[in-house]
Amino acid sequence: QVQLVESGGGLVQAGGSLRLSCAASGSAFSIYALGWFRQAPGEQRELVATVTSGGITAYTDSVKGRFTISRDNAKNTVYLQMNSLKPEDTAVYYCYAKPSVSEVYWGQGTQVTVSS
């Protein structure tokens, strides 16, 4: 069982920045695939960014060049640095961890609101 605790959400003006953090339990963090999803009201959950155990990253097109995902294996934490935020980035952001292809664990979600 992996527990994930997110922090860093909040209210920011358009053009501003936020950094989300997701701290995970477990001693095998370095092998987890990690990522962030988001879900806006009335919308489906959308994959935002991923990072593999080897540090390879990927992003959905709408955040490329603005968001950066990173991991600190020594702190069991994955981050999402969000710059140049837009009102359409407003959503609840969820981190996840995949220790294996058959397991996935989710954080509780953190609200990000971008005002215009």
Protein backbone atom coordinates (compact mmCIF):
# COMPACT_ATOMS: atom_id res chain seq x y z
CA GLN A 1 0.00 0.00 0.00
CA VAL A 2 1.29 3.43 -0.99
CA GLN A 3 -0.08 6.61 0.54
CA LEU A 4 0.20 9.90 -1.30
CA VAL A 5 -0.22 13.32 0.29
CA GLU A 6 -0.47 16.36 -1.95
CA SER A 7 0.12 19.99 -1.15
CA GLY A 8 0.70 23.30 -2.88
CA GLY A 9 -2.61 24.09 -4.52
CA GLY A 10 -4.35 27.43 -4.18
CA LEU A 11 -5.62 30.54 -5.89
CA VAL A 12 -3.37 32.42 -8.29
CA GLN A 13 -3.82 35.06 -10.95
CA ALA A 14 -3.35 34.25 -14.61
CA GLY A 15 0.32 34.32 -15.50
CA GLY A 16 1.35 33.25 -12.02
CA SER A 17 3.04 30.09 -10.77
CA LEU A 18 2.38 27.29 -8.31
CA ARG A 19 4.34 24.21 -7.33
CA LEU A 20 2.47 21.09 -6.35
CA SER A 21 4.12 18.45 -4.20
CA CYS A 22 3.14 14.84 -3.64
CA ALA A 23 4.87 12.90 -0.89
CA ALA A 24 4.68 9.12 -0.99
CA SER A 25 5.11 6.40 1.57
CA GLY A 26 7.06 3.25 0.88
CA SER A 27 10.68 2.28 0.51
CA ALA A 28 10.57 1.51 -3.22
CA PHE A 29 9.68 5.01 -4.40
CA SER A 30 12.56 5.13 -6.88
CA ILE A 31 10.98 2.44 -9.05
CA TYR A 32 7.53 3.99 -9.19
CA ALA A 33 6.15 5.54 -12.34
CA LEU A 34 4.63 8.85 -11.23
CA GLY A 35 2.38 11.48 -12.67
CA TRP A 36 -0.32 14.08 -12.35
CA PHE A 37 -3.88 14.14 -13.59
CA ARG A 38 -6.36 16.97 -13.33
CA GLN A 39 -10.12 17.19 -13.41
CA ALA A 40 -12.09 20.35 -14.08
CA PRO A 41 -15.78 20.62 -13.14
CA GLY A 42 -17.91 18.68 -15.59
CA GLU A 43 -14.87 17.32 -17.40
CA GLN A 44 -13.13 13.96 -17.54
CA ARG A 45 -9.90 13.41 -15.70
CA GLU A 46 -6.98 14.44 -17.92
CA LEU A 47 -3.40 13.18 -17.79
CA VAL A 48 -1.12 16.20 -17.40
CA ALA A 49 2.43 14.92 -16.92
CA THR A 50 4.33 11.73 -16.20
CA VAL A 51 7.82 10.77 -15.13
CA THR A 52 9.26 7.27 -15.32
CA SER A 53 11.57 5.63 -12.80
CA GLY A 54 14.40 6.56 -15.17
CA GLY A 55 13.41 10.22 -15.21
CA ILE A 56 11.83 10.38 -18.65
CA THR A 57 9.06 12.95 -18.72
CA ALA A 58 6.00 13.50 -20.90
CA TYR A 59 3.32 16.19 -21.02
CA THR A 60 -0.04 16.80 -22.52
CA ASP A 61 0.19 19.38 -25.30
CA SER A 62 -1.68 22.12 -23.47
CA VAL A 63 0.97 22.37 -20.72
CA LYS A 64 4.17 21.81 -22.69
CA GLY A 65 6.64 24.62 -22.06
CA ARG A 66 4.73 25.79 -18.98
CA PHE A 67 4.68 22.83 -16.58
CA THR A 68 7.60 20.75 -15.36
CA ILE A 69 7.33 17.43 -13.56
CA SER A 70 10.24 16.26 -11.43
CA ARG A 71 10.97 13.69 -8.75
CA ASP A 72 13.23 13.61 -5.72
CA ASN A 73 13.75 9.98 -4.79
CA ALA A 74 15.61 10.92 -1.60
CA LYS A 75 12.48 12.73 -0.38
CA ASN A 76 9.93 10.31 -1.88
CA THR A 77 8.32 13.30 -3.55
CA VAL A 78 7.10 14.20 -7.01
CA TYR A 79 6.58 17.82 -8.01
CA LEU A 80 4.65 19.72 -10.63
CA GLN A 81 5.99 23.20 -11.28
CA MET A 82 3.30 25.22 -13.06
CA ASN A 83 4.25 28.52 -14.69
CA SER A 84 2.31 30.94 -16.88
CA LEU A 85 -0.92 29.61 -15.48
CA LYS A 86 -4.14 30.14 -17.39
CA PRO A 87 -7.77 30.10 -16.24
CA GLU A 88 -8.24 26.86 -18.17
CA ASP A 89 -5.69 25.21 -15.86
CA THR A 90 -8.25 25.48 -13.06
CA ALA A 91 -8.95 21.96 -11.78
CA VAL A 92 -8.40 19.51 -8.99
CA TYR A 93 -4.95 18.02 -9.47
CA TYR A 94 -4.24 14.43 -8.46
CA CYS A 95 -0.89 12.70 -8.26
CA TYR A 96 -0.53 8.99 -8.78
CA ALA A 97 2.09 6.33 -8.27
CA LYS A 98 2.42 3.04 -10.13
CA PRO A 99 4.70 0.56 -8.41
CA SER A 100 3.86 -2.00 -11.10
CA VAL A 101 1.59 -2.38 -14.12
CA SER A 102 -1.17 -3.81 -11.94
CA GLU A 103 -1.06 -1.25 -9.14
CA VAL A 104 -1.93 2.42 -9.01
CA TYR A 105 -2.39 4.68 -6.02
CA TRP A 106 -3.88 8.16 -5.91
CA GLY A 107 -3.49 11.27 -3.86
CA GLN A 108 -6.50 13.02 -2.36
CA GLY A 109 -6.39 15.89 -4.83
CA THR A 110 -5.52 19.54 -4.46
CA GLN A 111 -7.49 22.45 -5.90
CA VAL A 112 -5.81 24.87 -8.29
CA THR A 113 -7.80 27.96 -9.23
CA VAL A 114 -6.49 30.48 -11.74
CA SER A 115 -8.31 33.79 -11.91
CA SER A 116 -8.40 35.93 -15.02
